[in-house]
Amino acid sequence: MLWRNRNLKIRAKNKKMRIQTLLTTDRLLIEPLTVNDNNFILELVNTDGWIKFIGNRNVTSQVEATAYIQKIIDNPNSTFWVVKIKNNQTKIGIITFMKRDYLEHNDIGFAFLPNFTNNGYAYEAANTVLKNVTQKYNLSHIFATTVPENIISIKLLKKLGLFFDKEIEVEKEKLYVYGISNDKLSINEITK
């Protein structure tokens, strides 16, 4: 499952901040991205799904992967988490949270290696991040963007309780924006 991902920023209560929280579920560890994740990021950004739905990042070596990660880490507003299977520490995907320039509210995103899709991992990790950031930072709304062709991501967005909000064009590309308000997220969690 893949989600469109761009510059990573977060803004809460008109203050910019970095979210650096270790999160866990019954099956997963969700840890902040570090430069030690360069081999994993090199593999992930070169999967067919990433290139098709997110775009080619031109990361073709460990050195370039390290530089790509360092750029993310150096952005004081960026948050990327690496999702790992708890029992064997296998890195399987990422969850992101940002304030995009072209959206009024923060945006959540995700990308997973093809061998780890359809196991509920993306839902489990994304739902955990949604709960954490909305409770910790009292955000009123959260958005998500995806290309219309990314049907798998759209299904996950709906499962997470996000609803289609609007269609926008960014850099000559059509994007669907999905959203959820904090009060709907709380109701969604109670019913799951």
N, C-alpha and C. Protein backbone atom coordinates (compact mmCIF):
# COMPACT_ATOMS: atom_id res chain seq x y z
N MET A 1 0.84 -1.17 0.00
CA MET A 1 0.00 0.00 0.00
C MET A 1 0.89 1.23 0.00
N LEU A 2 0.51 2.16 -0.82
CA LEU A 2 1.35 3.34 -0.98
C LEU A 2 0.53 4.60 -0.90
N TRP A 3 1.16 5.64 -0.46
CA TRP A 3 0.50 6.91 -0.30
C TRP A 3 1.43 7.99 -0.80
N ARG A 4 0.91 8.96 -1.50
CA ARG A 4 1.72 10.05 -2.03
C ARG A 4 2.36 10.80 -0.88
N ASN A 5 3.63 11.13 -1.02
CA ASN A 5 4.37 11.73 0.06
C ASN A 5 5.29 12.82 -0.48
N ARG A 6 5.29 13.99 0.14
CA ARG A 6 6.14 15.11 -0.28
C ARG A 6 6.87 15.67 0.91
N ASN A 7 7.14 17.00 0.89
CA ASN A 7 7.84 17.64 2.01
C ASN A 7 7.10 17.39 3.30
N LEU A 8 7.86 17.10 4.35
CA LEU A 8 7.27 16.69 5.61
C LEU A 8 7.31 17.83 6.62
N LYS A 9 6.14 18.27 7.11
CA LYS A 9 6.06 19.35 8.09
C LYS A 9 4.88 19.08 9.00
N ILE A 10 4.95 19.59 10.19
CA ILE A 10 3.78 19.56 11.07
C ILE A 10 3.66 20.90 11.75
N ARG A 11 2.44 21.35 11.94
CA ARG A 11 2.17 22.59 12.63
C ARG A 11 0.99 22.36 13.57
N ALA A 12 1.16 22.68 14.82
CA ALA A 12 0.06 22.56 15.77
C ALA A 12 0.04 23.81 16.63
N LYS A 13 -1.15 24.33 16.82
CA LYS A 13 -1.31 25.56 17.59
C LYS A 13 -0.36 26.64 17.12
N ASN A 14 -0.21 26.76 15.78
CA ASN A 14 0.63 27.76 15.13
C ASN A 14 2.11 27.64 15.48
N LYS A 15 2.53 26.52 16.04
CA LYS A 15 3.95 26.29 16.32
C LYS A 15 4.40 25.09 15.52
N LYS A 16 5.58 25.19 14.96
CA LYS A 16 6.14 24.07 14.23
C LYS A 16 6.85 23.17 15.24
N MET A 17 6.77 21.86 15.02
CA MET A 17 7.42 20.94 15.94
C MET A 17 7.74 19.64 15.24
N ARG A 18 8.67 18.91 15.78
CA ARG A 18 9.02 17.59 15.29
C ARG A 18 8.38 16.57 16.21
N ILE A 19 7.74 15.58 15.62
CA ILE A 19 7.17 14.48 16.39
C ILE A 19 8.20 13.35 16.36
N GLN A 20 8.73 12.99 17.48
CA GLN A 20 9.71 11.90 17.55
C GLN A 20 9.28 10.92 18.62
N THR A 21 8.28 10.15 18.32
CA THR A 21 7.69 9.25 19.29
C THR A 21 7.81 7.82 18.81
N LEU A 22 8.24 6.94 19.71
CA LEU A 22 8.22 5.50 19.44
C LEU A 22 6.82 5.01 19.77
N LEU A 23 6.19 4.32 18.84
CA LEU A 23 4.85 3.79 19.03
C LEU A 23 4.89 2.28 18.86
N THR A 24 3.98 1.59 19.52
CA THR A 24 3.92 0.13 19.38
C THR A 24 2.47 -0.32 19.27
N THR A 25 2.30 -1.47 18.64
CA THR A 25 1.01 -2.16 18.62
C THR A 25 1.31 -3.60 19.04
N ASP A 26 0.31 -4.44 18.99
CA ASP A 26 0.55 -5.85 19.35
C ASP A 26 1.58 -6.49 18.43
N ARG A 27 1.58 -6.09 17.15
CA ARG A 27 2.47 -6.74 16.17
C ARG A 27 3.61 -5.88 15.68
N LEU A 28 3.54 -4.55 15.92
CA LEU A 28 4.46 -3.64 15.24
C LEU A 28 5.20 -2.71 16.19
N LEU A 29 6.39 -2.31 15.74
CA LEU A 29 7.14 -1.19 16.31
C LEU A 29 7.11 -0.09 15.26
N ILE A 30 6.86 1.13 15.68
CA ILE A 30 6.79 2.27 14.77
C ILE A 30 7.78 3.28 15.30
N GLU A 31 8.97 3.32 14.68
CA GLU A 31 10.11 4.08 15.21
C GLU A 31 10.49 5.22 14.28
N PRO A 32 11.00 6.33 14.83
CA PRO A 32 11.46 7.43 13.98
C PRO A 32 12.54 6.96 12.99
N LEU A 33 12.48 7.47 11.79
CA LEU A 33 13.45 7.17 10.74
C LEU A 33 14.83 7.69 11.13
N THR A 34 15.87 6.90 10.87
CA THR A 34 17.26 7.32 11.10
C THR A 34 18.09 7.00 9.85
N VAL A 35 19.29 7.55 9.78
CA VAL A 35 20.17 7.26 8.64
C VAL A 35 20.55 5.78 8.59
N ASN A 36 20.42 5.07 9.69
CA ASN A 36 20.69 3.64 9.68
C ASN A 36 19.65 2.84 8.90
N ASP A 37 18.58 3.50 8.50
CA ASP A 37 17.54 2.85 7.70
C ASP A 37 17.80 2.99 6.20
N ASN A 38 19.02 3.36 5.81
CA ASN A 38 19.31 3.66 4.41
C ASN A 38 19.08 2.48 3.47
N ASN A 39 19.45 1.27 3.86
CA ASN A 39 19.21 0.11 2.98
C ASN A 39 17.73 -0.14 2.77
N PHE A 40 16.96 0.00 3.83
CA PHE A 40 15.51 -0.18 3.73
C PHE A 40 14.88 0.88 2.83
N ILE A 41 15.25 2.14 3.03
CA ILE A 41 14.70 3.23 2.21
C ILE A 41 15.12 3.06 0.75
N LEU A 42 16.35 2.64 0.50
CA LEU A 42 16.81 2.37 -0.86
C LEU A 42 15.90 1.34 -1.53
N GLU A 43 15.56 0.27 -0.82
CA GLU A 43 14.67 -0.75 -1.36
C GLU A 43 13.25 -0.20 -1.57
N LEU A 44 12.72 0.49 -0.56
CA LEU A 44 11.34 0.96 -0.60
C LEU A 44 11.09 1.96 -1.73
N VAL A 45 11.95 2.97 -1.87
CA VAL A 45 11.71 4.02 -2.87
C VAL A 45 11.92 3.53 -4.30
N ASN A 46 12.44 2.33 -4.44
CA ASN A 46 12.64 1.77 -5.78
C ASN A 46 11.67 0.65 -6.11
N THR A 47 10.65 0.46 -5.28
CA THR A 47 9.62 -0.52 -5.62
C THR A 47 8.75 0.04 -6.74
N ASP A 48 8.13 -0.85 -7.50
CA ASP A 48 7.27 -0.41 -8.60
C ASP A 48 6.14 0.48 -8.09
N GLY A 49 5.53 0.11 -6.98
CA GLY A 49 4.42 0.88 -6.45
C GLY A 49 4.83 2.28 -6.03
N TRP A 50 5.99 2.41 -5.37
CA TRP A 50 6.46 3.74 -4.96
C TRP A 50 6.65 4.62 -6.20
N ILE A 51 7.36 4.08 -7.17
CA ILE A 51 7.65 4.87 -8.37
C ILE A 51 6.35 5.24 -9.10
N LYS A 52 5.39 4.32 -9.18
CA LYS A 52 4.15 4.58 -9.89
C LYS A 52 3.27 5.60 -9.16
N PHE A 53 3.12 5.45 -7.84
CA PHE A 53 2.16 6.27 -7.11
C PHE A 53 2.76 7.46 -6.37
N ILE A 54 4.04 7.42 -6.08
CA ILE A 54 4.68 8.50 -5.32
C ILE A 54 5.67 9.26 -6.19
N GLY A 55 6.41 8.54 -6.99
CA GLY A 55 7.35 9.18 -7.90
C GLY A 55 8.78 8.74 -7.67
N ASN A 56 9.56 8.81 -8.72
CA ASN A 56 10.95 8.41 -8.66
C ASN A 56 11.76 9.46 -7.88
N ARG A 57 12.41 9.03 -6.85
CA ARG A 57 13.23 9.93 -6.02
C ARG A 57 14.69 9.92 -6.45
N ASN A 58 15.02 9.15 -7.48
CA ASN A 58 16.39 9.06 -7.99
C ASN A 58 17.38 8.70 -6.88
N VAL A 59 16.99 7.75 -6.06
CA VAL A 59 17.83 7.23 -4.99
C VAL A 59 18.27 5.84 -5.44
N THR A 60 19.56 5.73 -5.84
CA THR A 60 20.02 4.47 -6.43
C THR A 60 21.20 3.83 -5.71
N SER A 61 21.60 4.40 -4.57
CA SER A 61 22.73 3.85 -3.82
C SER A 61 22.52 4.10 -2.33
N GLN A 62 23.32 3.42 -1.51
CA GLN A 62 23.25 3.66 -0.06
C GLN A 62 23.59 5.10 0.27
N VAL A 63 24.56 5.66 -0.43
CA VAL A 63 24.96 7.05 -0.18
C VAL A 63 23.80 7.99 -0.48
N GLU A 64 23.12 7.79 -1.61
CA GLU A 64 21.98 8.63 -1.95
C GLU A 64 20.82 8.42 -0.98
N ALA A 65 20.63 7.17 -0.53
CA ALA A 65 19.57 6.90 0.46
C ALA A 65 19.87 7.60 1.77
N THR A 66 21.12 7.60 2.18
CA THR A 66 21.52 8.29 3.41
C THR A 66 21.28 9.79 3.27
N ALA A 67 21.63 10.36 2.13
CA ALA A 67 21.41 11.79 1.90
C ALA A 67 19.91 12.12 1.87
N TYR A 68 19.12 11.25 1.27
CA TYR A 68 17.67 11.43 1.22
C TYR A 68 17.09 11.45 2.64
N ILE A 69 17.52 10.49 3.46
CA ILE A 69 17.06 10.43 4.85
C ILE A 69 17.53 11.65 5.63
N GLN A 70 18.78 12.04 5.44
CA GLN A 70 19.32 13.19 6.17
C GLN A 70 18.53 14.46 5.84
N LYS A 71 18.13 14.60 4.59
CA LYS A 71 17.31 15.76 4.20
C LYS A 71 15.99 15.77 4.95
N ILE A 72 15.39 14.60 5.11
CA ILE A 72 14.14 14.47 5.87
C ILE A 72 14.38 14.82 7.33
N ILE A 73 15.44 14.25 7.90
CA ILE A 73 15.75 14.48 9.32
C ILE A 73 16.09 15.94 9.58
N ASP A 74 16.79 16.58 8.65
CA ASP A 74 17.19 17.98 8.82
C ASP A 74 16.02 18.95 8.76
N ASN A 75 14.93 18.53 8.19
CA ASN A 75 13.74 19.38 8.15
C ASN A 75 13.11 19.33 9.54
N PRO A 76 13.12 20.43 10.29
CA PRO A 76 12.60 20.39 11.67
C PRO A 76 11.12 20.10 11.75
N ASN A 77 10.44 20.10 10.63
CA ASN A 77 9.00 19.85 10.60
C ASN A 77 8.64 18.47 10.05
N SER A 78 9.62 17.62 9.82
CA SER A 78 9.33 16.35 9.18
C SER A 78 9.24 15.20 10.18
N THR A 79 8.35 14.28 9.87
CA THR A 79 8.21 13.07 10.68
C THR A 79 7.98 11.88 9.77
N PHE A 80 8.93 10.98 9.78
CA PHE A 80 8.80 9.68 9.10
C PHE A 80 9.03 8.63 10.18
N TRP A 81 8.17 7.63 10.22
CA TRP A 81 8.39 6.49 11.10
C TRP A 81 8.63 5.26 10.24
N VAL A 82 9.53 4.40 10.69
CA VAL A 82 9.75 3.10 10.06
C VAL A 82 8.90 2.08 10.82
N VAL A 83 8.15 1.30 10.08
CA VAL A 83 7.29 0.27 10.67
C VAL A 83 8.04 -1.05 10.60
N LYS A 84 8.15 -1.71 11.77
CA LYS A 84 8.84 -2.99 11.87
C LYS A 84 7.91 -4.03 12.48
N ILE A 85 8.10 -5.27 12.06
CA ILE A 85 7.40 -6.38 12.72
C ILE A 85 8.08 -6.57 14.07
N LYS A 86 7.30 -6.58 15.12
CA LYS A 86 7.84 -6.57 16.47
C LYS A 86 8.71 -7.79 16.79
N ASN A 87 8.27 -8.98 16.40
CA ASN A 87 8.98 -10.19 16.85
C ASN A 87 10.31 -10.44 16.14
N ASN A 88 10.53 -9.86 14.95
CA ASN A 88 11.80 -10.12 14.26
C ASN A 88 12.49 -8.85 13.76
N GLN A 89 11.92 -7.67 14.06
CA GLN A 89 12.50 -6.38 13.69
C GLN A 89 12.60 -6.14 12.18
N THR A 90 11.87 -6.89 11.37
CA THR A 90 11.88 -6.70 9.92
C THR A 90 11.22 -5.37 9.58
N LYS A 91 11.92 -4.56 8.80
CA LYS A 91 11.39 -3.27 8.35
C LYS A 91 10.47 -3.51 7.17
N ILE A 92 9.22 -3.02 7.30
CA ILE A 92 8.22 -3.35 6.27
C ILE A 92 7.58 -2.13 5.61
N GLY A 93 7.68 -0.95 6.22
CA GLY A 93 7.03 0.21 5.64
C GLY A 93 7.34 1.49 6.40
N ILE A 94 6.70 2.58 5.94
CA ILE A 94 6.85 3.87 6.62
C ILE A 94 5.47 4.51 6.78
N ILE A 95 5.37 5.34 7.81
CA ILE A 95 4.22 6.21 8.01
C ILE A 95 4.78 7.63 8.09
N THR A 96 4.09 8.57 7.47
CA THR A 96 4.56 9.96 7.46
C THR A 96 3.45 10.87 7.97
N PHE A 97 3.85 12.03 8.48
CA PHE A 97 2.89 13.03 8.93
C PHE A 97 3.48 14.39 8.63
N MET A 98 2.72 15.26 7.95
CA MET A 98 3.28 16.53 7.49
C MET A 98 2.20 17.58 7.30
N LYS A 99 2.64 18.81 7.17
CA LYS A 99 1.76 19.91 6.74
C LYS A 99 2.21 20.31 5.35
N ARG A 100 1.41 19.93 4.36
CA ARG A 100 1.74 20.26 2.97
C ARG A 100 1.41 21.73 2.71
N ASP A 101 2.19 22.36 1.85
CA ASP A 101 1.96 23.77 1.51
C ASP A 101 0.59 24.00 0.90
N TYR A 102 0.07 23.03 0.18
CA TYR A 102 -1.17 23.21 -0.55
C TYR A 102 -2.40 22.68 0.19
N LEU A 103 -2.27 22.30 1.46
CA LEU A 103 -3.40 21.85 2.26
C LEU A 103 -3.50 22.67 3.55
N GLU A 104 -4.72 22.86 4.03
CA GLU A 104 -4.91 23.64 5.25
C GLU A 104 -4.55 22.87 6.51
N HIS A 105 -4.58 21.54 6.46
CA HIS A 105 -4.35 20.71 7.64
C HIS A 105 -3.24 19.69 7.40
N ASN A 106 -2.78 19.09 8.47
CA ASN A 106 -1.74 18.07 8.40
C ASN A 106 -2.19 16.87 7.57
N ASP A 107 -1.21 16.16 7.03
CA ASP A 107 -1.45 15.07 6.10
C ASP A 107 -0.72 13.82 6.59
N ILE A 108 -1.40 12.68 6.55
CA ILE A 108 -0.78 11.41 6.90
C ILE A 108 -0.55 10.62 5.62
N GLY A 109 0.54 9.87 5.58
CA GLY A 109 0.87 9.06 4.42
C GLY A 109 1.52 7.76 4.83
N PHE A 110 1.64 6.84 3.88
CA PHE A 110 2.26 5.55 4.17
C PHE A 110 2.77 4.91 2.90
N ALA A 111 3.73 4.01 3.07
CA ALA A 111 4.23 3.18 1.97
C ALA A 111 4.77 1.90 2.58
N PHE A 112 4.46 0.77 1.95
CA PHE A 112 4.89 -0.53 2.46
C PHE A 112 5.51 -1.36 1.34
N LEU A 113 6.46 -2.21 1.72
CA LEU A 113 7.05 -3.13 0.75
C LEU A 113 5.96 -4.08 0.25
N PRO A 114 6.02 -4.46 -1.02
CA PRO A 114 4.96 -5.30 -1.60
C PRO A 114 4.72 -6.61 -0.86
N ASN A 115 5.76 -7.22 -0.31
CA ASN A 115 5.60 -8.50 0.39
C ASN A 115 4.84 -8.38 1.70
N PHE A 116 4.58 -7.16 2.16
CA PHE A 116 3.94 -6.97 3.46
C PHE A 116 2.60 -6.25 3.35
N THR A 117 2.03 -6.24 2.16
CA THR A 117 0.69 -5.67 2.01
C THR A 117 -0.36 -6.75 2.25
N ASN A 118 -1.59 -6.33 2.44
CA ASN A 118 -2.72 -7.24 2.65
C ASN A 118 -2.61 -8.08 3.92
N ASN A 119 -1.88 -7.57 4.92
CA ASN A 119 -1.78 -8.23 6.22
C ASN A 119 -2.32 -7.36 7.34
N GLY A 120 -2.86 -6.20 7.00
CA GLY A 120 -3.38 -5.28 8.00
C GLY A 120 -2.33 -4.41 8.66
N TYR A 121 -1.08 -4.51 8.23
CA TYR A 121 -0.01 -3.73 8.86
C TYR A 121 -0.17 -2.23 8.63
N ALA A 122 -0.50 -1.83 7.41
CA ALA A 122 -0.64 -0.40 7.11
C ALA A 122 -1.77 0.21 7.93
N TYR A 123 -2.90 -0.49 8.02
CA TYR A 123 -4.01 0.01 8.84
C TYR A 123 -3.58 0.13 10.30
N GLU A 124 -2.97 -0.91 10.81
CA GLU A 124 -2.55 -0.95 12.22
C GLU A 124 -1.60 0.20 12.54
N ALA A 125 -0.61 0.41 11.68
CA ALA A 125 0.38 1.47 11.91
C ALA A 125 -0.23 2.85 11.72
N ALA A 126 -0.97 3.06 10.64
CA ALA A 126 -1.55 4.38 10.36
C ALA A 126 -2.58 4.76 11.42
N ASN A 127 -3.40 3.81 11.86
CA ASN A 127 -4.39 4.08 12.89
C ASN A 127 -3.70 4.46 14.21
N THR A 128 -2.61 3.81 14.53
CA THR A 128 -1.86 4.12 15.75
C THR A 128 -1.28 5.53 15.68
N VAL A 129 -0.72 5.90 14.54
CA VAL A 129 -0.18 7.25 14.37
C VAL A 129 -1.31 8.29 14.44
N LEU A 130 -2.43 8.03 13.78
CA LEU A 130 -3.57 8.95 13.83
C LEU A 130 -4.01 9.19 15.27
N LYS A 131 -4.17 8.12 16.03
CA LYS A 131 -4.57 8.26 17.43
C LYS A 131 -3.56 9.10 18.20
N ASN A 132 -2.29 8.80 18.02
CA ASN A 132 -1.24 9.49 18.76
C ASN A 132 -1.20 10.97 18.45
N VAL A 133 -1.17 11.34 17.19
CA VAL A 133 -1.01 12.76 16.85
C VAL A 133 -2.26 13.56 17.16
N THR A 134 -3.44 12.98 16.99
CA THR A 134 -4.65 13.76 17.29
C THR A 134 -4.80 13.96 18.79
N GLN A 135 -4.47 12.96 19.58
CA GLN A 135 -4.57 13.10 21.02
C GLN A 135 -3.47 14.00 21.58
N LYS A 136 -2.26 13.81 21.10
CA LYS A 136 -1.12 14.56 21.64
C LYS A 136 -1.14 16.03 21.25
N TYR A 137 -1.56 16.34 20.02
CA TYR A 137 -1.48 17.70 19.50
C TYR A 137 -2.84 18.35 19.31
N ASN A 138 -3.92 17.65 19.65
CA ASN A 138 -5.27 18.21 19.58
C ASN A 138 -5.55 18.87 18.22
N LEU A 139 -5.24 18.15 17.15
CA LEU A 139 -5.47 18.66 15.80
C LEU A 139 -6.94 18.52 15.44
N SER A 140 -7.49 19.54 14.81
CA SER A 140 -8.91 19.51 14.48
C SER A 140 -9.23 18.63 13.27
N HIS A 141 -8.32 18.58 12.30
CA HIS A 141 -8.54 17.80 11.07
C HIS A 141 -7.23 17.16 10.64
N ILE A 142 -7.35 16.08 9.91
CA ILE A 142 -6.20 15.45 9.26
C ILE A 142 -6.61 15.13 7.84
N PHE A 143 -5.72 15.40 6.91
CA PHE A 143 -5.94 15.11 5.51
C PHE A 143 -5.01 13.99 5.04
N ALA A 144 -5.32 13.47 3.87
CA ALA A 144 -4.48 12.51 3.17
C ALA A 144 -4.65 12.78 1.69
N THR A 145 -3.59 12.62 0.92
CA THR A 145 -3.68 12.79 -0.53
C THR A 145 -3.22 11.53 -1.23
N THR A 146 -3.82 11.28 -2.37
CA THR A 146 -3.43 10.15 -3.19
C THR A 146 -3.83 10.41 -4.63
N VAL A 147 -3.16 9.75 -5.54
CA VAL A 147 -3.56 9.82 -6.93
C VAL A 147 -4.82 8.97 -7.10
N PRO A 148 -5.72 9.34 -8.00
CA PRO A 148 -6.98 8.60 -8.17
C PRO A 148 -6.79 7.12 -8.50
N GLU A 149 -5.69 6.78 -9.16
CA GLU A 149 -5.44 5.38 -9.57
C GLU A 149 -5.03 4.48 -8.41
N ASN A 150 -4.69 5.04 -7.27
CA ASN A 150 -4.19 4.24 -6.15
C ASN A 150 -5.36 3.71 -5.32
N ILE A 151 -6.06 2.75 -5.89
CA ILE A 151 -7.27 2.19 -5.30
C ILE A 151 -7.00 1.55 -3.94
N ILE A 152 -5.86 0.88 -3.78
CA ILE A 152 -5.54 0.22 -2.51
C ILE A 152 -5.42 1.26 -1.40
N SER A 153 -4.75 2.37 -1.67
CA SER A 153 -4.63 3.42 -0.65
C SER A 153 -5.98 4.05 -0.34
N ILE A 154 -6.80 4.24 -1.35
CA ILE A 154 -8.12 4.82 -1.12
C ILE A 154 -8.95 3.91 -0.21
N LYS A 155 -8.87 2.60 -0.43
CA LYS A 155 -9.59 1.66 0.44
C LYS A 155 -9.11 1.78 1.88
N LEU A 156 -7.80 1.91 2.06
CA LEU A 156 -7.27 2.04 3.42
C LEU A 156 -7.71 3.36 4.06
N LEU A 157 -7.70 4.44 3.29
CA LEU A 157 -8.15 5.72 3.82
C LEU A 157 -9.58 5.61 4.33
N LYS A 158 -10.43 4.98 3.55
CA LYS A 158 -11.83 4.82 3.96
C LYS A 158 -11.93 3.95 5.22
N LYS A 159 -11.13 2.90 5.28
CA LYS A 159 -11.13 2.03 6.47
C LYS A 159 -10.67 2.81 7.71
N LEU A 160 -9.75 3.74 7.52
CA LEU A 160 -9.28 4.58 8.63
C LEU A 160 -10.32 5.63 9.04
N GLY A 161 -11.38 5.76 8.26
CA GLY A 161 -12.45 6.70 8.58
C GLY A 161 -12.35 8.02 7.85
N LEU A 162 -11.42 8.16 6.91
CA LEU A 162 -11.32 9.39 6.14
C LEU A 162 -12.34 9.37 5.01
N PHE A 163 -12.86 10.54 4.68
CA PHE A 163 -13.85 10.68 3.63
C PHE A 163 -13.30 11.56 2.51
N PHE A 164 -13.75 11.29 1.29
CA PHE A 164 -13.35 12.13 0.17
C PHE A 164 -13.75 13.57 0.44
N ASP A 165 -12.81 14.51 0.29
CA ASP A 165 -13.07 15.92 0.56
C ASP A 165 -13.12 16.72 -0.74
N LYS A 166 -12.09 16.54 -1.58
CA LYS A 166 -12.04 17.32 -2.82
C LYS A 166 -10.97 16.77 -3.75
N GLU A 167 -11.02 17.25 -4.97
CA GLU A 167 -9.99 16.95 -5.96
C GLU A 167 -9.20 18.23 -6.18
N ILE A 168 -7.86 18.11 -6.21
CA ILE A 168 -7.01 19.27 -6.45
C ILE A 168 -5.99 18.92 -7.52
N GLU A 169 -5.33 19.94 -8.02
CA GLU A 169 -4.23 19.72 -8.96
C GLU A 169 -2.97 20.35 -8.36
N VAL A 170 -1.92 19.54 -8.30
CA VAL A 170 -0.64 19.99 -7.77
C VAL A 170 0.43 19.62 -8.79
N GLU A 171 1.16 20.62 -9.26
CA GLU A 171 2.21 20.40 -10.26
C GLU A 171 1.68 19.58 -11.44
N LYS A 172 0.51 19.98 -11.95
CA LYS A 172 -0.15 19.38 -13.10
C LYS A 172 -0.56 17.92 -12.88
N GLU A 173 -0.69 17.53 -11.62
CA GLU A 173 -1.12 16.18 -11.30
C GLU A 173 -2.40 16.24 -10.47
N LYS A 174 -3.39 15.42 -10.85
CA LYS A 174 -4.64 15.37 -10.12
C LYS A 174 -4.45 14.53 -8.86
N LEU A 175 -4.91 15.09 -7.72
CA LEU A 175 -4.84 14.39 -6.44
C LEU A 175 -6.22 14.40 -5.80
N TYR A 176 -6.55 13.30 -5.13
CA TYR A 176 -7.74 13.26 -4.29
C TYR A 176 -7.32 13.58 -2.87
N VAL A 177 -8.10 14.42 -2.20
CA VAL A 177 -7.86 14.75 -0.80
C VAL A 177 -8.96 14.09 0.02
N TYR A 178 -8.54 13.32 1.01
CA TYR A 178 -9.46 12.72 1.97
C TYR A 178 -9.22 13.38 3.31
N GLY A 179 -10.23 13.40 4.17
CA GLY A 179 -10.07 14.06 5.45
C GLY A 179 -10.91 13.45 6.53
N ILE A 180 -10.54 13.79 7.76
CA ILE A 180 -11.29 13.37 8.93
C ILE A 180 -11.10 14.43 10.00
N SER A 181 -12.15 14.68 10.75
CA SER A 181 -12.04 15.63 11.85
C SER A 181 -11.73 14.86 13.13
N ASN A 182 -11.16 15.54 14.10
CA ASN A 182 -10.77 14.91 15.35
C ASN A 182 -11.95 14.22 16.02
N ASP A 183 -13.13 14.82 16.00
CA ASP A 183 -14.29 14.20 16.65
C ASP A 183 -14.71 12.92 15.93
N LYS A 184 -14.59 12.87 14.61
CA LYS A 184 -14.91 11.64 13.86
C LYS A 184 -13.88 10.56 14.12
N LEU A 185 -12.62 10.94 14.28
CA LEU A 185 -11.58 9.96 14.57
C LEU A 185 -11.85 9.32 15.92
N SER A 186 -12.23 10.08 16.89
CA SER A 186 -12.54 9.53 18.22
C SER A 186 -13.68 8.55 18.14
N ILE A 187 -14.74 8.88 17.38
CA ILE A 187 -15.88 7.96 17.22
C ILE A 187 -15.43 6.70 16.49
N ASN A 188 -14.61 6.88 15.44
CA ASN A 188 -14.10 5.75 14.67
C ASN A 188 -13.33 4.79 15.56
N GLU A 189 -12.50 5.31 16.46
CA GLU A 189 -11.71 4.45 17.34
C GLU A 189 -12.59 3.66 18.29
N ILE A 190 -13.64 4.28 18.79
CA ILE A 190 -14.52 3.61 19.73
C ILE A 190 -15.21 2.42 19.07
N THR A 191 -15.53 2.54 17.78
CA THR A 191 -16.26 1.48 17.09
C THR A 191 -15.37 0.40 16.53
N LYS A 192 -14.07 0.57 16.57
CA LYS A 192 -13.16 -0.45 16.00
C LYS A 192 -12.71 -1.43 17.06
